[in-house]
């Protein structure tokens, strides 16, 4: 990767972290943050699973430090962001696979992992293993739907592929969404 693409990737990553922090309070209730899922899927599609993971981690840490959000900001983001990018790559660029990865990773895995984190580390009582599943699933379905519509429209217009080429991270066929 040449210096221009490295710089462009760093700027894009930083911009997505900033946008993620700013828009995360929109439609947010505890255990449901649809805008975070929009950012996770977008990062997974544009830059791949590891950048998506790092972006979700950075946004979660900033939200916890600045906004006083509980650790759900991490457990509800990192698994979905990573799995979204992995399934997007395995499917060779299918947007629905990225959305499915976010739904499974956050809606199921992240929600179940949240139970021990919130119970043993955060001291919450009265929770069960499946306590966060409904709200996490609803949040990922809302955010995933928004991401799907946005990315499909970008794909149809050729903008998605153009940005992917410029970033030099994802390389999928023009019509593979």
C-alpha atoms as a PDB file:
ATOM      1  CA  UNK A   1       0.000   0.000   0.000  1.00  0.00           C
ATOM      2  CA  UNK A   2       1.507   3.337  -0.975  1.00  0.00           C
ATOM      3  CA  UNK A   3       1.711   6.356   1.338  1.00  0.00           C
ATOM      4  CA  UNK A   4      -1.321   8.071  -0.236  1.00  0.00           C
ATOM      5  CA  UNK A   5      -3.552   5.045   0.390  1.00  0.00           C
ATOM      6  CA  UNK A   6      -2.185   4.663   3.917  1.00  0.00           C
ATOM      7  CA  UNK A   7      -2.974   8.294   4.693  1.00  0.00           C
ATOM      8  CA  UNK A   8      -6.404   8.048   3.060  1.00  0.00           C
ATOM      9  CA  UNK A   9      -7.135   4.903   5.090  1.00  0.00           C
ATOM     10  CA  UNK A  10      -6.070   6.595   8.327  1.00  0.00           C
ATOM     11  CA  UNK A  11      -8.198   9.661   7.566  1.00  0.00           C
ATOM     12  CA  UNK A  12     -11.209   7.488   6.658  1.00  0.00           C
ATOM     13  CA  UNK A  13     -10.763   5.406   9.822  1.00  0.00           C
ATOM     14  CA  UNK A  14     -10.499   8.534  11.996  1.00  0.00           C
ATOM     15  CA  UNK A  15     -13.522  10.079  10.304  1.00  0.00           C
ATOM     16  CA  UNK A  16     -15.611   6.949  10.937  1.00  0.00           C
ATOM     17  CA  UNK A  17     -14.577   6.894  14.614  1.00  0.00           C
ATOM     18  CA  UNK A  18     -15.581  10.556  14.965  1.00  0.00           C
ATOM     19  CA  UNK A  19     -18.904  10.013  13.172  1.00  0.00           C
ATOM     20  CA  UNK A  20     -19.551   6.906  15.268  1.00  0.00           C
ATOM     21  CA  UNK A  21     -19.065   8.790  18.523  1.00  0.00           C
ATOM     22  CA  UNK A  22     -21.204  11.731  17.407  1.00  0.00           C
ATOM     23  CA  UNK A  23     -24.163   9.766  15.991  1.00  0.00           C
ATOM     24  CA  UNK A  24     -24.207   6.983  18.602  1.00  0.00           C
ATOM     25  CA  UNK A  25     -26.673   8.793  20.912  1.00  0.00           C
ATOM     26  CA  UNK A  26     -29.282   8.836  18.102  1.00  0.00           C
ATOM     27  CA  UNK A  27     -32.010   6.248  18.822  1.00  0.00           C
ATOM     28  CA  UNK A  28     -29.950   4.918  21.742  1.00  0.00           C
ATOM     29  CA  UNK A  29     -31.406   3.121  24.735  1.00  0.00           C
ATOM     30  CA  UNK A  30     -29.361   0.785  26.931  1.00  0.00           C
ATOM     31  CA  UNK A  31     -28.517  -2.316  24.949  1.00  0.00           C
ATOM     32  CA  UNK A  32     -29.687  -0.829  21.649  1.00  0.00           C
ATOM     33  CA  UNK A  33     -27.537   1.513  19.558  1.00  0.00           C
ATOM     34  CA  UNK A  34     -28.516   1.165  15.888  1.00  0.00           C
ATOM     35  CA  UNK A  35     -26.166   3.884  14.645  1.00  0.00           C
ATOM     36  CA  UNK A  36     -23.169   1.968  16.013  1.00  0.00           C
ATOM     37  CA  UNK A  37     -24.200  -1.007  13.876  1.00  0.00           C
ATOM     38  CA  UNK A  38     -24.444   1.254  10.829  1.00  0.00           C
ATOM     39  CA  UNK A  39     -20.826   2.329  11.415  1.00  0.00           C
ATOM     40  CA  UNK A  40     -19.662  -1.253  12.111  1.00  0.00           C
ATOM     41  CA  UNK A  41     -21.100  -2.593   8.855  1.00  0.00           C
ATOM     42  CA  UNK A  42     -19.862   0.388   6.863  1.00  0.00           C
ATOM     43  CA  UNK A  43     -16.326  -0.069   8.214  1.00  0.00           C
ATOM     44  CA  UNK A  44     -16.458  -3.821   7.575  1.00  0.00           C
ATOM     45  CA  UNK A  45     -17.453  -3.241   3.945  1.00  0.00           C
ATOM     46  CA  UNK A  46     -14.991  -0.434   3.262  1.00  0.00           C
ATOM     47  CA  UNK A  47     -11.937  -1.539   5.231  1.00  0.00           C
ATOM     48  CA  UNK A  48     -12.340  -5.139   6.376  1.00  0.00           C
ATOM     49  CA  UNK A  49     -12.772  -7.001   9.662  1.00  0.00           C
ATOM     50  CA  UNK A  50      -9.723  -5.803  11.565  1.00  0.00           C
ATOM     51  CA  UNK A  51     -10.283  -2.125  10.857  1.00  0.00           C
ATOM     52  CA  UNK A  52     -13.964  -2.619  11.747  1.00  0.00           C
ATOM     53  CA  UNK A  53     -12.895  -4.232  15.041  1.00  0.00           C
ATOM     54  CA  UNK A  54     -10.476  -1.384  15.828  1.00  0.00           C
ATOM     55  CA  UNK A  55     -13.080   1.238  14.922  1.00  0.00           C
ATOM     56  CA  UNK A  56     -15.710  -0.409  17.163  1.00  0.00           C
ATOM     57  CA  UNK A  57     -13.145  -0.661  19.970  1.00  0.00           C
ATOM     58  CA  UNK A  58     -12.129   3.005  19.631  1.00  0.00           C
ATOM     59  CA  UNK A  59     -15.737   4.228  19.494  1.00  0.00           C
ATOM     60  CA  UNK A  60     -16.694   2.065  22.476  1.00  0.00           C
ATOM     61  CA  UNK A  61     -13.771   3.266  24.592  1.00  0.00           C
ATOM     62  CA  UNK A  62     -14.458   6.919  23.758  1.00  0.00           C
ATOM     63  CA  UNK A  63     -18.179   6.506  24.506  1.00  0.00           C
ATOM     64  CA  UNK A  64     -17.386   4.832  27.831  1.00  0.00           C
ATOM     65  CA  UNK A  65     -14.868   7.526  28.817  1.00  0.00           C
ATOM     66  CA  UNK A  66     -16.745  10.609  27.618  1.00  0.00           C
ATOM     67  CA  UNK A  67     -20.415   9.643  27.810  1.00  0.00           C
ATOM     68  CA  UNK A  68     -20.351   7.280  30.787  1.00  0.00           C
ATOM     69  CA  UNK A  69     -21.758   4.407  28.725  1.00  0.00           C
ATOM     70  CA  UNK A  70     -21.448   0.947  30.377  1.00  0.00           C
ATOM     71  CA  UNK A  71     -19.245  -1.788  28.859  1.00  0.00           C
ATOM     72  CA  UNK A  72     -22.146  -2.695  26.563  1.00  0.00           C
ATOM     73  CA  UNK A  73     -20.501  -0.166  24.234  1.00  0.00           C
ATOM     74  CA  UNK A  74     -17.758  -2.753  23.690  1.00  0.00           C
ATOM     75  CA  UNK A  75     -19.550  -6.082  24.023  1.00  0.00           C
ATOM     76  CA  UNK A  76     -22.274  -4.782  21.743  1.00  0.00           C
ATOM     77  CA  UNK A  77     -19.904  -3.728  18.995  1.00  0.00           C
ATOM     78  CA  UNK A  78     -16.637  -5.611  18.637  1.00  0.00           C
ATOM     79  CA  UNK A  79     -18.043  -9.071  17.889  1.00  0.00           C
ATOM     80  CA  UNK A  80     -20.488  -7.801  15.289  1.00  0.00           C
ATOM     81  CA  UNK A  81     -17.994  -5.509  13.583  1.00  0.00           C
ATOM     82  CA  UNK A  82     -15.437  -8.296  13.269  1.00  0.00           C
ATOM     83  CA  UNK A  83     -17.876 -10.978  12.111  1.00  0.00           C
ATOM     84  CA  UNK A  84     -19.436  -8.514   9.676  1.00  0.00           C
ATOM     85  CA  UNK A  85     -16.076  -7.979   7.997  1.00  0.00           C
ATOM     86  CA  UNK A  86     -15.219 -11.685   7.999  1.00  0.00           C
ATOM     87  CA  UNK A  87     -18.528 -12.711   6.391  1.00  0.00           C
ATOM     88  CA  UNK A  88     -18.263  -9.870   3.871  1.00  0.00           C
ATOM     89  CA  UNK A  89     -14.837 -11.161   2.807  1.00  0.00           C
ATOM     90  CA  UNK A  90     -15.900 -14.823   2.793  1.00  0.00           C
ATOM     91  CA  UNK A  91     -18.924 -13.991   0.629  1.00  0.00           C
ATOM     92  CA  UNK A  92     -16.661 -12.089  -1.776  1.00  0.00           C
ATOM     93  CA  UNK A  93     -18.407  -8.768  -1.261  1.00  0.00           C
ATOM     94  CA  UNK A  94     -22.048  -9.490  -0.470  1.00  0.00           C
ATOM     95  CA  UNK A  95     -23.547  -6.665   1.580  1.00  0.00           C
ATOM     96  CA  UNK A  96     -26.212  -8.938   3.060  1.00  0.00           C
ATOM     97  CA  UNK A  97     -23.406 -11.109   4.493  1.00  0.00           C
ATOM     98  CA  UNK A  98     -21.926  -8.087   6.280  1.00  0.00           C
ATOM     99  CA  UNK A  99     -25.344  -7.292   7.767  1.00  0.00           C
ATOM    100  CA  UNK A 100     -25.837 -10.928   8.784  1.00  0.00           C
ATOM    101  CA  UNK A 101     -22.410 -10.932  10.459  1.00  0.00           C
ATOM    102  CA  UNK A 102     -23.367  -7.877  12.492  1.00  0.00           C
ATOM    103  CA  UNK A 103     -26.695  -9.429  13.510  1.00  0.00           C
ATOM    104  CA  UNK A 104     -25.092 -12.717  14.592  1.00  0.00           C
ATOM    105  CA  UNK A 105     -21.971 -11.145  16.110  1.00  0.00           C
ATOM    106  CA  UNK A 106     -23.729  -8.443  18.092  1.00  0.00           C
ATOM    107  CA  UNK A 107     -27.334  -9.613  18.302  1.00  0.00           C
ATOM    108  CA  UNK A 108     -26.422 -13.065  19.567  1.00  0.00           C
ATOM    109  CA  UNK A 109     -22.754 -13.397  20.555  1.00  0.00           C
ATOM    110  CA  UNK A 110     -22.285  -9.865  21.927  1.00  0.00           C
ATOM    111  CA  UNK A 111     -25.574  -9.897  23.799  1.00  0.00           C
ATOM    112  CA  UNK A 112     -24.771 -13.188  25.530  1.00  0.00           C
ATOM    113  CA  UNK A 113     -21.207 -12.078  26.369  1.00  0.00           C
ATOM    114  CA  UNK A 114     -22.717  -8.932  27.917  1.00  0.00           C
ATOM    115  CA  UNK A 115     -24.314 -10.945  30.727  1.00  0.00           C
ATOM    116  CA  UNK A 116     -21.108 -11.912  32.592  1.00  0.00           C
ATOM    117  CA  UNK A 117     -19.550  -8.515  31.873  1.00  0.00           C
ATOM    118  CA  UNK A 118     -22.490  -6.591  33.302  1.00  0.00           C
ATOM    119  CA  UNK A 119     -23.099  -9.054  36.167  1.00  0.00           C
ATOM    120  CA  UNK A 120     -19.580  -9.747  37.419  1.00  0.00           C
ATOM    121  CA  UNK A 121     -17.617  -6.677  36.327  1.00  0.00           C
ATOM    122  CA  UNK A 122     -20.307  -3.991  36.462  1.00  0.00           C
ATOM    123  CA  UNK A 123     -22.296  -5.416  39.405  1.00  0.00           C
ATOM    124  CA  UNK A 124     -25.743  -5.505  37.783  1.00  0.00           C
ATOM    125  CA  UNK A 125     -28.196  -7.896  39.415  1.00  0.00           C
ATOM    126  CA  UNK A 126     -31.300  -9.648  38.152  1.00  0.00           C
ATOM    127  CA  UNK A 127     -29.922 -10.363  34.680  1.00  0.00           C
ATOM    128  CA  UNK A 128     -30.107 -13.629  32.757  1.00  0.00           C
ATOM    129  CA  UNK A 129     -27.939 -14.916  29.914  1.00  0.00           C
ATOM    130  CA  UNK A 130     -30.559 -13.868  27.358  1.00  0.00           C
ATOM    131  CA  UNK A 131     -31.396 -10.492  28.958  1.00  0.00           C
ATOM    132  CA  UNK A 132     -29.774  -8.342  26.252  1.00  0.00           C
ATOM    133  CA  UNK A 133     -30.661 -10.516  23.236  1.00  0.00           C
ATOM    134  CA  UNK A 134     -33.975  -8.805  22.305  1.00  0.00           C
ATOM    135  CA  UNK A 135     -32.631  -5.245  22.473  1.00  0.00           C
ATOM    136  CA  UNK A 136     -29.327  -6.123  20.789  1.00  0.00           C
ATOM    137  CA  UNK A 137     -31.152  -7.958  17.995  1.00  0.00           C
ATOM    138  CA  UNK A 138     -33.559  -5.059  17.474  1.00  0.00           C
ATOM    139  CA  UNK A 139     -30.703  -2.547  17.421  1.00  0.00           C
ATOM    140  CA  UNK A 140     -28.704  -4.581  14.899  1.00  0.00           C
ATOM    141  CA  UNK A 141     -31.735  -5.114  12.672  1.00  0.00           C
ATOM    142  CA  UNK A 142     -32.470  -1.370  12.628  1.00  0.00           C
ATOM    143  CA  UNK A 143     -28.827  -0.353  12.090  1.00  0.00           C
ATOM    144  CA  UNK A 144     -28.238  -3.209   9.647  1.00  0.00           C
ATOM    145  CA  UNK A 145     -31.258  -2.204   7.575  1.00  0.00           C
ATOM    146  CA  UNK A 146     -30.032   1.379   7.349  1.00  0.00           C
ATOM    147  CA  UNK A 147     -26.527   0.185   6.416  1.00  0.00           C
ATOM    148  CA  UNK A 148     -27.902  -2.215   3.798  1.00  0.00           C
ATOM    149  CA  UNK A 149     -29.974   0.489   2.079  1.00  0.00           C
ATOM    150  CA  UNK A 150     -27.076   2.969   2.199  1.00  0.00           C
ATOM    151  CA  UNK A 151     -24.427   0.538   0.931  1.00  0.00           C
ATOM    152  CA  UNK A 152     -26.677  -0.959  -1.779  1.00  0.00           C
ATOM    153  CA  UNK A 153     -27.431   2.503  -3.140  1.00  0.00           C
ATOM    154  CA  UNK A 154     -23.719   3.339  -3.051  1.00  0.00           C
ATOM    155  CA  UNK A 155     -22.984   0.067  -4.846  1.00  0.00           C
ATOM    156  CA  UNK A 156     -25.575   0.694  -7.574  1.00  0.00           C
ATOM    157  CA  UNK A 157     -24.116   4.128  -8.271  1.00  0.00           C
ATOM    158  CA  UNK A 158     -20.524   2.811  -8.282  1.00  0.00           C
ATOM    159  CA  UNK A 159     -19.487   4.946  -5.309  1.00  0.00           C
ATOM    160  CA  UNK A 160     -18.898   1.933  -3.054  1.00  0.00           C
ATOM    161  CA  UNK A 161     -16.440   0.315  -5.447  1.00  0.00           C
ATOM    162  CA  UNK A 162     -14.723   3.635  -6.113  1.00  0.00           C
ATOM    163  CA  UNK A 163     -14.121   4.243  -2.411  1.00  0.00           C
ATOM    164  CA  UNK A 164     -12.967   0.646  -1.898  1.00  0.00           C
ATOM    165  CA  UNK A 165     -10.474   1.032  -4.758  1.00  0.00           C
ATOM    166  CA  UNK A 166      -9.172   4.328  -3.395  1.00  0.00           C
ATOM    167  CA  UNK A 167      -8.743   2.881   0.089  1.00  0.00           C
ATOM    168  CA  UNK A 168      -7.045  -0.167  -1.411  1.00  0.00           C
ATOM    169  CA  UNK A 169      -8.276  -2.485   1.326  1.00  0.00           C
ATOM    170  CA  UNK A 170     -11.254  -4.374  -0.122  1.00  0.00           C
ATOM    171  CA  UNK A 171     -11.134  -5.698  -3.682  1.00  0.00           C
ATOM    172  CA  UNK A 172     -14.400  -7.161  -4.917  1.00  0.00           C
ATOM    173  CA  UNK A 173     -16.069  -7.320  -8.321  1.00  0.00           C
ATOM    174  CA  UNK A 174     -18.090  -4.304  -9.453  1.00  0.00           C
ATOM    175  CA  UNK A 175     -21.468  -6.045  -9.263  1.00  0.00           C
ATOM    176  CA  UNK A 176     -20.811  -8.295  -6.256  1.00  0.00           C
ATOM    177  CA  UNK A 177     -23.171  -6.862  -3.662  1.00  0.00           C
END
